[in-house]
Structure formats: C-alpha cells, structure tokens
C-alpha cells in the first residue's frame, strides 16, 4: 500500500528514466565472453613511474583458452605515439612473470589510432591470445608505465580485460 502510494507520486519522466537505466544495466552486463574487466583511473597529475596499478583477477577455469587485453584512455596532453608497459603477474602459488608491452597509439603522421571524438581516445589492445591460466585462484596483476618519464601526463585510465575465446 505505501509502496503504491510512493510510486504513484513519482513523475512519469522519472519512471521512464528509471526503466531506461534498468534496461541499459541489464544489457551492459550481458557479456558472456568476459571473465574479468576493470579500468582504474590514473592520477590526474600524471602517472608516476613507480606507481603500480593493481588488479586481483579471480580465475576459476584452468582449461579454457582466454584472450588478454589492455584498456587505455588518454587525453590530448599525452605527448607520445606509443606507450611501454610493464605487466607483472603473480600466480596463485607464488610464481611470477613480467612482460614488457608496447602499445602503438598513433600512426606515422601523428593521427591517433584510438576510438572517440574530442580530447579523449580509447584503446582496447589484444596483447595475448589463447592464454591458458595454469591454476585456478587469484592472479595479482600490476601494470606500471615504462616510459622514460618520471611523471607521464595525459593517461586517464588503464585497465585489463580477460575473456574466454569463442568456441568455433
């Protein structure tokens, strides 16, 4: 009774907006290939060379093949055509590995390769294909910038996406 009374007092525009938001949330969460995805905002004053961006990735399947992506957003203050990253992975059980990755962000003429209009460009770059995680558990992945700048300006967000490979 009280809920109906409150609901009837809400203007129709808010009811419609709530319905649209609910539908968007439902459809945006329907990504059956995604195992993990998280993006983390980098310091507005610049990404310090010693600053690690940390991810705790739960892996529950040690048989399926996965694709591993780096997500990146940068603004017009970014001064380079590429970005070097150090990716450290700490496996459940204690072993670890380090990869050095170069992301090519612009072509030879200086045109950004990323998506987006305006001042922000976004990238989702496949860095490893057909990865098998050897054991189940929590994988701790950290990313640090590997440029020769103590304070790298213009990077907005860095993230990772791990998805199951499509079965063909």
N, C-alpha and C. Protein backbone atom coordinates (compact mmCIF):
# COMPACT_ATOMS: atom_id res chain seq x y z
N UNK A 1 0.81 -1.19 0.00
CA UNK A 1 0.00 0.00 0.00
C UNK A 1 0.86 1.26 0.00
N UNK A 2 1.85 1.32 0.90
CA UNK A 2 2.72 2.50 0.97
C UNK A 2 3.57 2.60 -0.28
N UNK A 3 4.05 1.47 -0.79
CA UNK A 3 4.88 1.47 -2.00
C UNK A 3 4.07 1.99 -3.18
N UNK A 4 2.84 1.55 -3.33
CA UNK A 4 1.99 2.06 -4.41
C UNK A 4 1.79 3.56 -4.29
N UNK A 5 1.59 4.03 -3.09
CA UNK A 5 1.38 5.47 -2.86
C UNK A 5 2.63 6.26 -3.29
N UNK A 6 3.80 5.77 -2.88
CA UNK A 6 5.05 6.44 -3.25
C UNK A 6 5.25 6.36 -4.76
N UNK A 7 5.04 5.20 -5.35
CA UNK A 7 5.23 5.01 -6.79
C UNK A 7 4.31 5.95 -7.59
N UNK A 8 3.08 6.09 -7.16
CA UNK A 8 2.12 6.95 -7.88
C UNK A 8 2.48 8.42 -7.78
N UNK A 9 3.30 8.81 -6.81
CA UNK A 9 3.69 10.21 -6.65
C UNK A 9 4.92 10.56 -7.49
N UNK A 10 5.61 9.56 -8.02
CA UNK A 10 6.80 9.82 -8.84
C UNK A 10 6.34 10.25 -10.23
N UNK A 11 6.89 11.37 -10.74
CA UNK A 11 6.51 11.83 -12.09
C UNK A 11 6.87 10.78 -13.15
N UNK A 12 6.07 10.74 -14.22
CA UNK A 12 6.28 9.76 -15.29
C UNK A 12 7.67 9.86 -15.91
N UNK A 13 8.21 11.05 -16.02
CA UNK A 13 9.54 11.21 -16.63
C UNK A 13 10.58 10.43 -15.84
N UNK A 14 10.48 10.42 -14.49
CA UNK A 14 11.43 9.69 -13.65
C UNK A 14 11.20 8.19 -13.75
N UNK A 15 9.96 7.79 -13.89
CA UNK A 15 9.66 6.36 -14.07
C UNK A 15 10.27 5.86 -15.38
N UNK A 16 10.12 6.65 -16.45
CA UNK A 16 10.69 6.27 -17.74
C UNK A 16 12.22 6.24 -17.69
N UNK A 17 12.81 7.22 -17.03
CA UNK A 17 14.26 7.26 -16.90
C UNK A 17 14.77 6.04 -16.12
N UNK A 18 14.08 5.68 -15.05
CA UNK A 18 14.45 4.51 -14.27
C UNK A 18 14.36 3.23 -15.11
N UNK A 19 13.33 3.13 -15.93
CA UNK A 19 13.18 1.97 -16.81
C UNK A 19 14.33 1.89 -17.82
N UNK A 20 14.68 3.01 -18.41
CA UNK A 20 15.77 3.04 -19.40
C UNK A 20 17.09 2.66 -18.74
N UNK A 21 17.36 3.20 -17.56
CA UNK A 21 18.61 2.87 -16.86
C UNK A 21 18.65 1.38 -16.52
N UNK A 22 17.53 0.84 -16.06
CA UNK A 22 17.48 -0.58 -15.72
C UNK A 22 17.77 -1.45 -16.93
N UNK A 23 17.17 -1.12 -18.06
CA UNK A 23 17.39 -1.89 -19.30
C UNK A 23 18.86 -1.79 -19.72
N UNK A 24 19.44 -0.59 -19.65
CA UNK A 24 20.85 -0.43 -20.03
C UNK A 24 21.77 -1.25 -19.12
N UNK A 25 21.49 -1.26 -17.84
CA UNK A 25 22.32 -2.03 -16.91
C UNK A 25 22.21 -3.52 -17.22
N UNK A 26 21.01 -3.98 -17.49
CA UNK A 26 20.82 -5.40 -17.79
C UNK A 26 21.56 -5.79 -19.06
N UNK A 27 21.43 -4.98 -20.13
CA UNK A 27 22.09 -5.33 -21.38
C UNK A 27 23.60 -5.14 -21.32
N UNK A 28 24.07 -4.16 -20.55
CA UNK A 28 25.51 -3.97 -20.47
C UNK A 28 26.18 -5.08 -19.66
N UNK A 29 25.44 -5.74 -18.79
CA UNK A 29 26.02 -6.81 -18.01
C UNK A 29 25.99 -8.15 -18.75
N UNK A 30 25.35 -8.20 -19.91
CA UNK A 30 25.27 -9.43 -20.69
C UNK A 30 26.48 -9.50 -21.62
N UNK A 31 27.57 -9.98 -21.12
CA UNK A 31 28.80 -10.13 -21.89
C UNK A 31 29.35 -11.51 -21.55
N UNK A 32 28.82 -12.55 -22.20
CA UNK A 32 29.16 -13.92 -21.79
C UNK A 32 30.63 -14.28 -21.96
N UNK A 33 31.37 -13.57 -22.79
CA UNK A 33 32.78 -13.89 -23.00
C UNK A 33 33.67 -13.32 -21.89
N UNK A 34 33.21 -12.26 -21.25
CA UNK A 34 34.05 -11.57 -20.25
C UNK A 34 34.22 -12.42 -18.99
N UNK A 35 35.48 -12.63 -18.62
CA UNK A 35 35.82 -13.28 -17.36
C UNK A 35 36.12 -12.21 -16.32
N UNK A 36 36.82 -11.14 -16.74
CA UNK A 36 37.21 -10.06 -15.84
C UNK A 36 37.45 -8.81 -16.67
N UNK A 37 37.00 -7.68 -16.16
CA UNK A 37 37.34 -6.39 -16.77
C UNK A 37 37.25 -5.31 -15.71
N UNK A 38 38.32 -4.54 -15.63
CA UNK A 38 38.35 -3.42 -14.69
C UNK A 38 39.28 -2.35 -15.23
N UNK A 39 38.84 -1.11 -15.13
CA UNK A 39 39.65 0.05 -15.51
C UNK A 39 39.85 0.91 -14.27
N UNK A 40 41.06 1.41 -14.10
CA UNK A 40 41.40 2.20 -12.93
C UNK A 40 41.89 3.57 -13.38
N UNK A 41 41.35 4.60 -12.74
CA UNK A 41 41.76 5.97 -13.06
C UNK A 41 43.17 6.22 -12.55
N UNK A 42 43.98 6.83 -13.40
CA UNK A 42 45.36 7.16 -13.05
C UNK A 42 45.37 8.58 -12.49
N UNK A 43 46.29 8.88 -11.64
CA UNK A 43 46.42 10.18 -11.01
C UNK A 43 46.29 11.32 -12.03
N UNK A 44 45.45 12.30 -11.76
CA UNK A 44 45.22 13.43 -12.67
C UNK A 44 46.48 14.25 -12.92
N UNK A 45 47.42 14.22 -11.98
CA UNK A 45 48.66 14.98 -12.13
C UNK A 45 49.73 14.23 -12.90
N UNK A 46 49.41 13.03 -13.37
CA UNK A 46 50.36 12.24 -14.13
C UNK A 46 50.58 10.87 -13.50
N UNK A 47 50.97 9.93 -14.34
CA UNK A 47 51.22 8.56 -13.90
C UNK A 47 52.70 8.46 -13.54
N UNK A 48 52.98 8.36 -12.24
CA UNK A 48 54.35 8.27 -11.77
C UNK A 48 54.97 6.94 -12.21
N UNK A 49 56.27 6.95 -12.51
CA UNK A 49 56.96 5.74 -12.97
C UNK A 49 56.93 4.62 -11.94
N UNK A 50 56.84 4.96 -10.66
CA UNK A 50 56.84 3.95 -9.60
C UNK A 50 55.42 3.52 -9.21
N UNK A 51 54.41 4.18 -9.77
CA UNK A 51 53.02 3.89 -9.40
C UNK A 51 52.52 2.64 -10.10
N UNK A 52 52.13 1.63 -9.30
CA UNK A 52 51.59 0.39 -9.83
C UNK A 52 50.07 0.46 -9.83
N UNK A 53 49.47 0.01 -10.91
CA UNK A 53 48.03 -0.14 -10.98
C UNK A 53 47.76 -1.63 -10.77
N UNK A 54 46.99 -1.96 -9.74
CA UNK A 54 46.84 -3.34 -9.30
C UNK A 54 45.47 -3.92 -9.62
N UNK A 55 45.46 -5.19 -10.03
CA UNK A 55 44.24 -5.92 -10.34
C UNK A 55 44.30 -7.28 -9.66
N UNK A 56 43.21 -7.68 -9.03
CA UNK A 56 43.08 -9.02 -8.46
C UNK A 56 42.09 -9.78 -9.33
N UNK A 57 42.59 -10.73 -10.10
CA UNK A 57 41.79 -11.42 -11.10
C UNK A 57 41.47 -12.83 -10.64
N UNK A 58 40.20 -13.11 -10.36
CA UNK A 58 39.83 -14.49 -9.98
C UNK A 58 39.67 -15.36 -11.23
N UNK A 59 40.40 -16.45 -11.27
CA UNK A 59 40.31 -17.39 -12.40
C UNK A 59 39.77 -18.71 -11.86
N UNK A 60 38.67 -19.18 -12.46
CA UNK A 60 38.03 -20.41 -11.97
C UNK A 60 38.15 -21.56 -12.96
N UNK A 61 38.83 -21.35 -14.08
CA UNK A 61 38.94 -22.41 -15.09
C UNK A 61 40.37 -22.46 -15.60
N UNK A 62 41.01 -23.62 -15.50
CA UNK A 62 42.39 -23.76 -15.95
C UNK A 62 42.48 -24.55 -17.27
N UNK A 63 41.36 -24.69 -17.95
CA UNK A 63 41.36 -25.44 -19.21
C UNK A 63 41.04 -24.55 -20.41
N UNK A 64 40.07 -23.65 -20.26
CA UNK A 64 39.63 -22.82 -21.38
C UNK A 64 40.71 -21.85 -21.83
N UNK A 65 40.66 -21.51 -23.13
CA UNK A 65 41.56 -20.51 -23.69
C UNK A 65 40.96 -19.12 -23.47
N UNK A 66 41.84 -18.15 -23.19
CA UNK A 66 41.42 -16.78 -22.92
C UNK A 66 42.20 -15.79 -23.79
N UNK A 67 41.60 -14.65 -24.04
CA UNK A 67 42.27 -13.50 -24.65
C UNK A 67 42.50 -12.46 -23.57
N UNK A 68 43.65 -11.80 -23.63
CA UNK A 68 44.04 -10.81 -22.62
C UNK A 68 44.21 -9.47 -23.32
N UNK A 69 43.48 -8.46 -22.86
CA UNK A 69 43.51 -7.12 -23.45
C UNK A 69 43.99 -6.09 -22.44
N UNK A 70 44.59 -5.04 -22.97
CA UNK A 70 44.87 -3.84 -22.18
C UNK A 70 43.88 -2.77 -22.65
N UNK A 71 43.23 -2.12 -21.69
CA UNK A 71 42.35 -0.99 -21.97
C UNK A 71 43.09 0.29 -21.59
N UNK A 72 42.97 1.31 -22.42
CA UNK A 72 43.67 2.56 -22.17
C UNK A 72 42.80 3.73 -22.61
N UNK A 73 42.79 4.78 -21.81
CA UNK A 73 42.19 6.05 -22.18
C UNK A 73 43.22 7.13 -21.92
N UNK A 74 43.42 8.02 -22.89
CA UNK A 74 44.33 9.15 -22.68
C UNK A 74 43.70 10.42 -23.26
N UNK A 75 44.22 11.56 -22.81
CA UNK A 75 43.72 12.84 -23.31
C UNK A 75 44.76 13.48 -24.21
N UNK A 76 44.49 14.70 -24.64
CA UNK A 76 45.37 15.38 -25.60
C UNK A 76 46.69 15.82 -24.99
N UNK A 77 46.86 15.72 -23.68
CA UNK A 77 48.14 16.05 -23.05
C UNK A 77 49.18 14.95 -23.22
N UNK A 78 48.75 13.77 -23.70
CA UNK A 78 49.71 12.69 -23.91
C UNK A 78 50.61 13.04 -25.09
N UNK A 79 51.91 13.01 -24.91
CA UNK A 79 52.85 13.57 -25.88
C UNK A 79 53.54 12.55 -26.78
N UNK A 80 53.21 11.26 -26.63
CA UNK A 80 53.96 10.24 -27.36
C UNK A 80 53.04 9.45 -28.28
N UNK A 81 53.64 8.77 -29.25
CA UNK A 81 52.85 7.96 -30.19
C UNK A 81 52.76 6.50 -29.73
N UNK A 82 53.44 6.19 -28.63
CA UNK A 82 53.41 4.83 -28.09
C UNK A 82 53.39 4.87 -26.58
N UNK A 83 53.25 3.71 -25.98
CA UNK A 83 53.29 3.60 -24.52
C UNK A 83 53.86 2.23 -24.17
N UNK A 84 54.96 2.23 -23.41
CA UNK A 84 55.52 0.99 -22.90
C UNK A 84 54.94 0.70 -21.53
N UNK A 85 54.58 -0.56 -21.31
CA UNK A 85 54.02 -1.01 -20.04
C UNK A 85 54.78 -2.22 -19.54
N UNK A 86 54.97 -2.28 -18.23
CA UNK A 86 55.48 -3.48 -17.58
C UNK A 86 54.30 -4.15 -16.90
N UNK A 87 54.06 -5.41 -17.24
CA UNK A 87 52.94 -6.16 -16.67
C UNK A 87 53.52 -7.30 -15.84
N UNK A 88 53.32 -7.20 -14.53
CA UNK A 88 53.80 -8.22 -13.60
C UNK A 88 52.61 -9.07 -13.16
N UNK A 89 52.77 -10.38 -13.28
CA UNK A 89 51.72 -11.31 -12.87
C UNK A 89 52.25 -12.20 -11.76
N UNK A 90 51.51 -12.20 -10.63
CA UNK A 90 51.82 -13.09 -9.51
C UNK A 90 50.75 -14.17 -9.51
N UNK A 91 51.18 -15.40 -9.79
CA UNK A 91 50.28 -16.54 -9.91
C UNK A 91 49.91 -17.08 -8.53
N UNK A 92 48.75 -17.72 -8.41
CA UNK A 92 48.46 -18.43 -7.16
C UNK A 92 49.56 -19.47 -6.95
N UNK A 93 50.07 -19.55 -5.76
CA UNK A 93 51.15 -20.50 -5.50
C UNK A 93 52.51 -19.85 -5.46
N UNK A 94 52.61 -18.58 -5.90
CA UNK A 94 53.86 -17.85 -5.70
C UNK A 94 54.72 -17.56 -6.90
N UNK A 95 54.55 -18.25 -8.03
CA UNK A 95 55.41 -17.93 -9.17
C UNK A 95 54.97 -16.60 -9.78
N UNK A 96 55.87 -15.99 -10.56
CA UNK A 96 55.55 -14.71 -11.17
C UNK A 96 56.22 -14.57 -12.53
N UNK A 97 55.70 -13.62 -13.30
CA UNK A 97 56.27 -13.34 -14.62
C UNK A 97 56.17 -11.85 -14.88
N UNK A 98 56.99 -11.38 -15.82
CA UNK A 98 56.96 -9.97 -16.23
C UNK A 98 56.98 -9.91 -17.74
N UNK A 99 56.08 -9.09 -18.29
CA UNK A 99 56.03 -8.82 -19.72
C UNK A 99 56.24 -7.34 -19.94
N UNK A 100 56.92 -7.01 -21.03
CA UNK A 100 57.04 -5.63 -21.47
C UNK A 100 56.24 -5.51 -22.76
N UNK A 101 55.29 -4.57 -22.77
CA UNK A 101 54.37 -4.41 -23.89
C UNK A 101 54.51 -3.00 -24.44
N UNK A 102 54.53 -2.87 -25.75
CA UNK A 102 54.47 -1.55 -26.38
C UNK A 102 53.11 -1.41 -27.07
N UNK A 103 52.39 -0.38 -26.70
CA UNK A 103 51.14 -0.04 -27.37
C UNK A 103 51.43 1.07 -28.37
N UNK A 104 51.07 0.85 -29.64
CA UNK A 104 51.22 1.87 -30.67
C UNK A 104 49.93 2.68 -30.69
N UNK A 105 50.02 3.96 -30.33
CA UNK A 105 48.84 4.79 -30.16
C UNK A 105 48.55 5.71 -31.34
N UNK A 106 49.56 5.96 -32.17
CA UNK A 106 49.37 6.88 -33.30
C UNK A 106 50.14 6.35 -34.51
N UNK A 107 49.68 6.76 -35.70
CA UNK A 107 50.40 6.36 -36.91
C UNK A 107 51.57 7.33 -37.15
N UNK A 108 52.29 7.13 -38.25
CA UNK A 108 53.48 7.95 -38.54
C UNK A 108 53.16 9.43 -38.74
N UNK A 109 51.92 9.74 -39.13
CA UNK A 109 51.55 11.15 -39.32
C UNK A 109 51.08 11.80 -38.02
N UNK A 110 50.98 11.03 -36.94
CA UNK A 110 50.56 11.57 -35.66
C UNK A 110 49.07 11.42 -35.39
N UNK A 111 48.34 10.76 -36.29
CA UNK A 111 46.90 10.54 -36.10
C UNK A 111 46.71 9.42 -35.09
N UNK A 112 45.89 9.70 -34.06
CA UNK A 112 45.63 8.71 -33.02
C UNK A 112 44.91 7.51 -33.59
N UNK A 113 45.27 6.31 -33.15
CA UNK A 113 44.62 5.07 -33.56
C UNK A 113 43.37 4.77 -32.73
N UNK A 114 43.21 5.43 -31.61
CA UNK A 114 42.13 5.11 -30.69
C UNK A 114 40.77 5.58 -31.17
N UNK A 115 39.75 5.09 -30.46
CA UNK A 115 38.36 5.46 -30.73
C UNK A 115 38.01 6.70 -29.90
N UNK A 116 37.01 7.42 -30.37
CA UNK A 116 36.50 8.54 -29.59
C UNK A 116 36.65 9.86 -30.32
N UNK A 117 35.69 10.72 -30.07
CA UNK A 117 35.72 12.06 -30.62
C UNK A 117 36.20 13.01 -29.54
N UNK A 118 36.83 14.08 -29.95
CA UNK A 118 37.25 15.07 -28.96
C UNK A 118 38.59 14.76 -28.34
N UNK A 119 38.71 15.14 -27.08
CA UNK A 119 40.01 15.14 -26.40
C UNK A 119 40.42 13.80 -25.81
N UNK A 120 39.50 12.84 -25.71
CA UNK A 120 39.80 11.54 -25.09
C UNK A 120 39.82 10.45 -26.16
N UNK A 121 40.85 9.64 -26.14
CA UNK A 121 40.96 8.49 -27.05
C UNK A 121 41.00 7.21 -26.22
N UNK A 122 40.31 6.19 -26.73
CA UNK A 122 40.22 4.91 -26.03
C UNK A 122 40.77 3.79 -26.90
N UNK A 123 41.41 2.83 -26.24
CA UNK A 123 42.02 1.69 -26.91
C UNK A 123 41.68 0.43 -26.14
N UNK A 124 41.45 -0.64 -26.86
CA UNK A 124 41.40 -1.98 -26.28
C UNK A 124 42.30 -2.83 -27.17
N UNK A 125 43.45 -3.19 -26.64
CA UNK A 125 44.50 -3.84 -27.43
C UNK A 125 44.69 -5.27 -26.96
N UNK A 126 44.53 -6.21 -27.88
CA UNK A 126 44.79 -7.61 -27.59
C UNK A 126 46.29 -7.80 -27.46
N UNK A 127 46.74 -8.25 -26.27
CA UNK A 127 48.19 -8.44 -26.08
C UNK A 127 48.58 -9.91 -25.98
N UNK A 128 47.63 -10.77 -25.62
CA UNK A 128 47.88 -12.21 -25.58
C UNK A 128 46.63 -12.93 -26.03
N UNK A 129 46.83 -13.89 -26.92
CA UNK A 129 45.71 -14.67 -27.44
C UNK A 129 45.92 -16.13 -27.06
N UNK A 130 44.82 -16.82 -26.79
CA UNK A 130 44.83 -18.25 -26.46
C UNK A 130 45.66 -18.54 -25.21
N UNK A 131 45.46 -17.75 -24.17
CA UNK A 131 46.15 -17.92 -22.90
C UNK A 131 45.43 -18.98 -22.08
N UNK A 132 46.20 -19.87 -21.49
CA UNK A 132 45.65 -20.82 -20.52
C UNK A 132 46.21 -20.43 -19.16
N UNK A 133 45.34 -20.19 -18.21
CA UNK A 133 45.78 -19.95 -16.84
C UNK A 133 46.02 -21.32 -16.20
N UNK A 134 47.26 -21.60 -15.78
CA UNK A 134 47.61 -22.97 -15.38
C UNK A 134 46.95 -23.48 -14.11
N UNK A 135 46.56 -22.56 -13.20
CA UNK A 135 45.89 -22.97 -11.97
C UNK A 135 44.74 -22.01 -11.69
N UNK A 136 43.78 -22.48 -10.94
CA UNK A 136 42.68 -21.61 -10.54
C UNK A 136 43.10 -20.82 -9.30
N UNK A 137 42.44 -19.69 -9.09
CA UNK A 137 42.72 -18.86 -7.92
C UNK A 137 42.83 -17.40 -8.30
N UNK A 138 43.40 -16.61 -7.41
CA UNK A 138 43.54 -15.17 -7.62
C UNK A 138 44.90 -14.87 -8.23
N UNK A 139 44.88 -14.23 -9.40
CA UNK A 139 46.08 -13.75 -10.07
C UNK A 139 46.20 -12.26 -9.76
N UNK A 140 47.33 -11.85 -9.21
CA UNK A 140 47.57 -10.43 -8.94
C UNK A 140 48.40 -9.87 -10.09
N UNK A 141 47.79 -8.95 -10.81
CA UNK A 141 48.42 -8.35 -11.99
C UNK A 141 48.64 -6.88 -11.70
N UNK A 142 49.87 -6.41 -11.92
CA UNK A 142 50.16 -4.98 -11.75
C UNK A 142 50.73 -4.44 -13.05
N UNK A 143 50.39 -3.19 -13.33
CA UNK A 143 50.87 -2.51 -14.53
C UNK A 143 51.56 -1.23 -14.10
N UNK A 144 52.78 -1.03 -14.61
CA UNK A 144 53.49 0.23 -14.43
C UNK A 144 53.87 0.76 -15.80
N UNK A 145 53.95 2.07 -15.89
CA UNK A 145 54.35 2.67 -17.16
C UNK A 145 55.86 2.52 -17.31
N UNK A 146 56.29 2.25 -18.53
CA UNK A 146 57.70 2.01 -18.80
C UNK A 146 58.32 3.06 -19.70
N UNK A 147 57.76 4.26 -19.70
CA UNK A 147 58.33 5.34 -20.50
C UNK A 147 59.49 5.97 -19.72
N UNK A 148 60.25 6.79 -20.38
CA UNK A 148 61.40 7.43 -19.72
C UNK A 148 61.00 8.77 -19.09
N UNK A 149 59.81 8.80 -18.55
CA UNK A 149 59.28 9.99 -17.89
C UNK A 149 58.94 9.62 -16.46
N UNK A 150 59.42 10.37 -15.50
CA UNK A 150 59.05 10.11 -14.11
C UNK A 150 57.57 10.36 -13.87
N UNK A 151 57.02 11.34 -14.59
CA UNK A 151 55.62 11.71 -14.45
C UNK A 151 55.01 11.78 -15.85
N UNK A 152 54.25 10.76 -16.20
CA UNK A 152 53.69 10.64 -17.55
C UNK A 152 52.31 11.29 -17.56
N UNK A 153 52.19 12.42 -18.25
CA UNK A 153 50.93 13.16 -18.29
C UNK A 153 50.05 12.70 -19.44
N UNK A 154 48.75 12.78 -19.23
CA UNK A 154 47.79 12.52 -20.28
C UNK A 154 47.09 11.18 -20.22
N UNK A 155 47.61 10.24 -19.44
CA UNK A 155 46.94 8.95 -19.31
C UNK A 155 45.80 9.12 -18.32
N UNK A 156 44.60 8.74 -18.72
CA UNK A 156 43.41 8.88 -17.87
C UNK A 156 43.12 7.60 -17.09
N UNK A 157 43.03 6.47 -17.82
CA UNK A 157 42.67 5.19 -17.21
C UNK A 157 43.49 4.08 -17.85
N UNK A 158 43.79 3.08 -17.04
CA UNK A 158 44.43 1.86 -17.55
C UNK A 158 43.64 0.69 -16.98
N UNK A 159 43.48 -0.34 -17.80
CA UNK A 159 42.70 -1.48 -17.33
C UNK A 159 43.06 -2.74 -18.08
N UNK A 160 42.44 -3.82 -17.64
CA UNK A 160 42.62 -5.10 -18.32
C UNK A 160 41.25 -5.73 -18.56
N UNK A 161 41.22 -6.55 -19.58
CA UNK A 161 40.04 -7.36 -19.87
C UNK A 161 40.53 -8.75 -20.20
N UNK A 162 39.91 -9.73 -19.57
CA UNK A 162 40.19 -11.13 -19.89
C UNK A 162 38.86 -11.76 -20.29
N UNK A 163 38.90 -12.40 -21.45
CA UNK A 163 37.66 -13.01 -21.94
C UNK A 163 37.95 -14.41 -22.45
N UNK A 164 36.92 -15.26 -22.40
CA UNK A 164 37.03 -16.59 -22.97
C UNK A 164 37.08 -16.47 -24.49
N UNK A 165 37.92 -17.28 -25.12
CA UNK A 165 37.93 -17.30 -26.57
C UNK A 165 36.65 -17.94 -27.07
N UNK A 166 36.17 -17.46 -28.19
CA UNK A 166 34.96 -18.04 -28.79
C UNK A 166 35.24 -19.45 -29.24
N UNK A 167 34.29 -20.33 -29.02
CA UNK A 167 34.40 -21.71 -29.49
C UNK A 167 33.86 -21.78 -30.91
N UNK A 168 34.72 -22.08 -31.87
CA UNK A 168 34.29 -22.11 -33.28
C UNK A 168 34.19 -23.54 -33.78
